[in-house]
Amino acid sequence: MDQAIGNGQWVTGIIDQFPYFGLFTLLILGGMGLQFPEDATLILCGFLISTEVVKPVPVLLVVYTGLLISDFFIFLVGNKYGSAVINHPVFHKFISSQRLKFMEDQFAKKGIWLIIAGRHLAVLRAQIFLAAGVMKMSPLKFFAADAVSAVFTMAIMTGAGYIGGNSLEIIKKDITQARHAAVVLLTTALAVYLLFRYFRDLRK
């Protein structure tokens, strides 16, 4: 647990100090099998855009590049190790021999469409990319399919983060306005009460 907290502090620190580099690094590390989910990183990107920590165009270019590199890295692992990837010290946890066989059958039926559609399924994404490499799919064909599909993944996830960030800002703004309104109401009520007592005492 202490290690998880330490990792969390490290991630928070690098995002705070170097947001562009931090997001890129998280995507690459996630592609290497470490516990940095791609979708969570993209949502964080959208949140940082909404809070104006980063500029939209530069950060989206950085994130898009990070996505393609991390995806192609997974593909290359499958391409290099073939079916032996199920024994790879890191990537064996992504795919079992049964799952690899299933993915190979799916590639035989659907080909490039499996890359385009499967990229949006977080649970199967890495398995599909590994299987594409194992099946010796053309690197250029894989890259083209992934490049197109990644645009939609990025739009959906960063969009969710952006909307969430704006919602938080609206909530904070509403809370602030409600506090101000409460102060005004209390002040007005106090003033009315004091005036009431003043005129009541005059009648005595």
Protein backbone atom coordinates (compact mmCIF):
# COMPACT_ATOMS: atom_id res chain seq x y z
CA MET A 1 0.00 0.00 0.00
CA ASP A 2 2.86 2.36 0.83
CA GLN A 3 4.30 1.69 -2.63
CA ALA A 4 0.95 2.55 -4.24
CA ILE A 5 0.83 5.81 -2.28
CA GLY A 6 4.40 6.56 -3.33
CA ASN A 7 3.54 5.93 -6.99
CA GLY A 8 0.50 8.17 -6.65
CA GLN A 9 2.60 10.98 -5.21
CA TRP A 10 5.17 10.57 -7.99
CA VAL A 11 2.46 10.74 -10.66
CA THR A 12 0.87 13.79 -9.05
CA GLY A 13 4.25 15.51 -8.85
CA ILE A 14 5.20 14.96 -12.47
CA ILE A 15 1.76 16.06 -13.70
CA ASP A 16 1.91 19.20 -11.57
CA GLN A 17 5.41 20.17 -12.69
CA PHE A 18 5.45 18.92 -16.30
CA PRO A 19 1.85 18.21 -17.42
CA TYR A 20 2.64 17.60 -21.12
CA PHE A 21 5.60 15.33 -20.42
CA GLY A 22 3.70 13.70 -17.56
CA LEU A 23 0.72 12.70 -19.70
CA PHE A 24 3.01 11.39 -22.45
CA THR A 25 5.02 9.37 -19.93
CA LEU A 26 1.92 7.83 -18.35
CA LEU A 27 0.72 6.63 -21.76
CA ILE A 28 4.09 5.08 -22.59
CA LEU A 29 4.39 3.40 -19.18
CA GLY A 30 0.84 2.08 -19.53
CA GLY A 31 1.76 0.62 -22.92
CA MET A 32 4.73 -1.11 -21.28
CA GLY A 33 2.39 -2.93 -18.91
CA LEU A 34 2.61 -0.74 -15.84
CA GLN A 35 -0.49 0.23 -13.86
CA PHE A 36 -1.34 3.48 -15.63
CA PRO A 37 -4.63 2.91 -17.51
CA GLU A 38 -4.81 4.70 -20.85
CA ASP A 39 -8.42 5.80 -20.42
CA ALA A 40 -7.71 7.34 -17.01
CA THR A 41 -4.80 9.29 -18.49
CA LEU A 42 -6.99 10.60 -21.32
CA ILE A 43 -9.72 11.64 -18.89
CA LEU A 44 -7.07 13.43 -16.83
CA CYS A 45 -5.95 15.20 -20.01
CA GLY A 46 -9.49 16.45 -20.62
CA PHE A 47 -9.73 17.64 -17.04
CA LEU A 48 -6.45 19.57 -17.34
CA ILE A 49 -7.73 21.22 -20.52
CA SER A 50 -10.95 22.27 -18.80
CA THR A 51 -9.06 23.80 -15.89
CA GLU A 52 -6.67 25.57 -18.31
CA VAL A 53 -3.59 23.83 -16.94
CA VAL A 54 -2.66 22.83 -20.51
CA LYS A 55 -3.44 24.21 -23.96
CA PRO A 56 -5.81 22.03 -26.04
CA VAL A 57 -3.92 21.75 -29.35
CA PRO A 58 -0.41 21.03 -28.00
CA VAL A 59 -1.57 18.56 -25.36
CA LEU A 60 -3.81 16.67 -27.79
CA LEU A 61 -0.89 16.32 -30.21
CA VAL A 62 1.32 15.06 -27.36
CA VAL A 63 -1.32 12.62 -26.16
CA TYR A 64 -2.09 11.36 -29.67
CA THR A 65 1.60 10.68 -30.26
CA GLY A 66 1.85 8.88 -26.92
CA LEU A 67 -1.13 6.70 -27.80
CA LEU A 68 0.30 5.62 -31.13
CA ILE A 69 3.74 4.89 -29.68
CA SER A 70 2.38 2.83 -26.78
CA ASP A 71 0.04 0.88 -29.07
CA PHE A 72 2.77 0.18 -31.60
CA PHE A 73 5.08 -0.97 -28.81
CA ILE A 74 2.54 -3.60 -27.73
CA PHE A 75 2.15 -4.68 -31.36
CA LEU A 76 5.93 -5.04 -31.73
CA VAL A 77 6.11 -7.23 -28.61
CA GLY A 78 3.60 -9.62 -30.16
CA ASN A 79 5.42 -9.45 -33.48
CA LYS A 80 8.76 -10.27 -31.88
CA TYR A 81 7.73 -13.06 -29.50
CA GLY A 82 4.91 -14.61 -31.50
CA SER A 83 2.79 -17.11 -29.60
CA ALA A 84 5.54 -17.23 -26.95
CA VAL A 85 4.20 -13.86 -25.75
CA ILE A 86 2.03 -15.79 -23.30
CA ASN A 87 5.27 -16.57 -21.42
CA HIS A 88 6.62 -13.01 -21.57
CA PRO A 89 7.52 -11.80 -18.03
CA VAL A 90 5.36 -8.67 -18.39
CA PHE A 91 2.83 -9.25 -21.15
CA HIS A 92 1.78 -12.77 -20.19
CA LYS A 93 -0.72 -11.18 -17.77
CA PHE A 94 -2.47 -9.51 -20.70
CA ILE A 95 -3.28 -12.66 -22.64
CA SER A 96 -3.61 -16.39 -22.06
CA SER A 97 -3.12 -19.15 -24.60
CA GLN A 98 -6.91 -19.59 -24.87
CA ARG A 99 -7.47 -15.88 -25.36
CA LEU A 100 -4.70 -15.70 -27.96
CA LYS A 101 -6.31 -18.51 -29.92
CA PHE A 102 -9.65 -16.72 -29.75
CA MET A 103 -8.07 -13.47 -30.98
CA GLU A 104 -6.35 -15.29 -33.85
CA ASP A 105 -9.71 -16.71 -34.93
CA GLN A 106 -11.26 -13.24 -34.76
CA PHE A 107 -8.47 -11.77 -36.89
CA ALA A 108 -9.04 -14.45 -39.49
CA LYS A 109 -12.69 -13.33 -39.71
CA LYS A 110 -12.54 -9.56 -39.21
CA GLY A 111 -8.97 -8.51 -39.95
CA ILE A 112 -8.30 -4.79 -39.71
CA TRP A 113 -11.81 -4.05 -38.38
CA LEU A 114 -10.90 -5.82 -35.17
CA ILE A 115 -8.22 -3.18 -34.57
CA ILE A 116 -10.56 -0.29 -35.33
CA ALA A 117 -13.43 -1.56 -33.19
CA GLY A 118 -11.43 -3.31 -30.48
CA ARG A 119 -9.34 -0.27 -29.66
CA HIS A 120 -12.31 1.19 -27.79
CA LEU A 121 -12.60 -1.85 -25.50
CA ALA A 122 -10.23 -1.21 -22.62
CA VAL A 123 -10.34 -4.83 -21.43
CA LEU A 124 -9.39 -6.28 -24.83
CA ARG A 125 -7.25 -3.48 -26.29
CA ALA A 126 -3.80 -4.81 -25.31
CA GLN A 127 -4.81 -8.38 -26.16
CA ILE A 128 -5.90 -7.35 -29.65
CA PHE A 129 -2.67 -5.45 -30.29
CA LEU A 130 -0.55 -8.36 -29.08
CA ALA A 131 -2.54 -10.78 -31.22
CA ALA A 132 -2.11 -8.51 -34.25
CA GLY A 133 1.65 -8.73 -33.77
CA VAL A 134 1.56 -12.48 -33.25
CA MET A 135 -0.44 -12.86 -36.48
CA LYS A 136 2.30 -10.89 -38.30
CA MET A 137 -0.13 -8.24 -39.45
CA SER A 138 1.47 -5.61 -41.66
CA PRO A 139 2.96 -2.92 -39.36
CA LEU A 140 1.83 -0.21 -41.76
CA LYS A 141 -1.71 -1.58 -41.86
CA PHE A 142 -1.81 -1.85 -38.06
CA PHE A 143 -0.47 1.68 -37.63
CA ALA A 144 -3.00 3.13 -40.09
CA ALA A 145 -5.96 1.38 -38.44
CA ASP A 146 -4.80 2.35 -34.98
CA ALA A 147 -4.15 5.96 -36.01
CA VAL A 148 -7.74 6.33 -37.24
CA SER A 149 -9.31 4.56 -34.28
CA ALA A 150 -7.19 6.40 -31.70
CA VAL A 151 -8.72 9.72 -32.76
CA PHE A 152 -12.14 8.55 -31.61
CA THR A 153 -10.83 7.04 -28.37
CA MET A 154 -9.04 10.28 -27.57
CA ALA A 155 -12.10 12.39 -28.40
CA ILE A 156 -14.39 10.30 -26.20
CA MET A 157 -12.12 10.04 -23.16
CA THR A 158 -10.70 13.56 -23.17
CA GLY A 159 -14.19 14.85 -23.85
CA ALA A 160 -15.45 13.05 -20.75
CA GLY A 161 -12.64 14.56 -18.69
CA TYR A 162 -13.33 18.03 -20.11
CA ILE A 163 -17.04 17.84 -19.32
CA GLY A 164 -16.29 16.53 -15.85
CA GLY A 165 -13.82 19.32 -15.22
CA ASN A 166 -16.31 21.96 -16.34
CA SER A 167 -18.99 20.39 -14.18
CA LEU A 168 -16.73 20.63 -11.14
CA GLU A 169 -16.02 24.28 -11.90
CA ILE A 170 -19.74 24.98 -12.25
CA ILE A 171 -20.47 23.22 -8.96
CA LYS A 172 -17.71 25.19 -7.21
CA LYS A 173 -19.06 28.41 -8.72
CA ASP A 174 -22.61 27.58 -7.63
CA ILE A 175 -21.41 26.78 -4.11
CA THR A 176 -19.56 30.09 -3.95
CA GLN A 177 -22.62 31.95 -5.18
CA ALA A 178 -24.81 30.12 -2.67
CA ARG A 179 -22.46 31.11 0.14
CA HIS A 180 -22.56 34.73 -0.97
CA ALA A 181 -26.36 34.62 -1.14
CA ALA A 182 -26.53 33.10 2.34
CA VAL A 183 -24.30 35.86 3.73
CA VAL A 184 -26.51 38.52 2.13
CA LEU A 185 -29.69 36.90 3.46
CA LEU A 186 -28.30 36.56 6.97
CA THR A 187 -27.05 40.15 6.94
CA THR A 188 -30.42 41.41 5.72
CA ALA A 189 -32.28 39.35 8.31
CA LEU A 190 -30.04 40.69 11.07
CA ALA A 191 -30.54 44.27 9.90
CA VAL A 192 -34.33 43.83 9.83
CA TYR A 193 -34.29 42.30 13.28
CA LEU A 194 -32.21 45.16 14.73
CA LEU A 195 -34.46 47.77 13.11
CA PHE A 196 -37.52 45.98 14.47
CA ARG A 197 -36.08 46.02 18.00
CA TYR A 198 -35.06 49.66 17.62
CA PHE A 199 -38.56 50.85 16.66
CA ARG A 200 -40.15 48.58 19.27
CA ASP A 201 -37.99 50.14 21.97
CA LEU A 202 -38.94 53.65 20.73
CA ARG A 203 -42.62 52.86 21.30
CA LYS A 204 -41.90 52.01 24.90
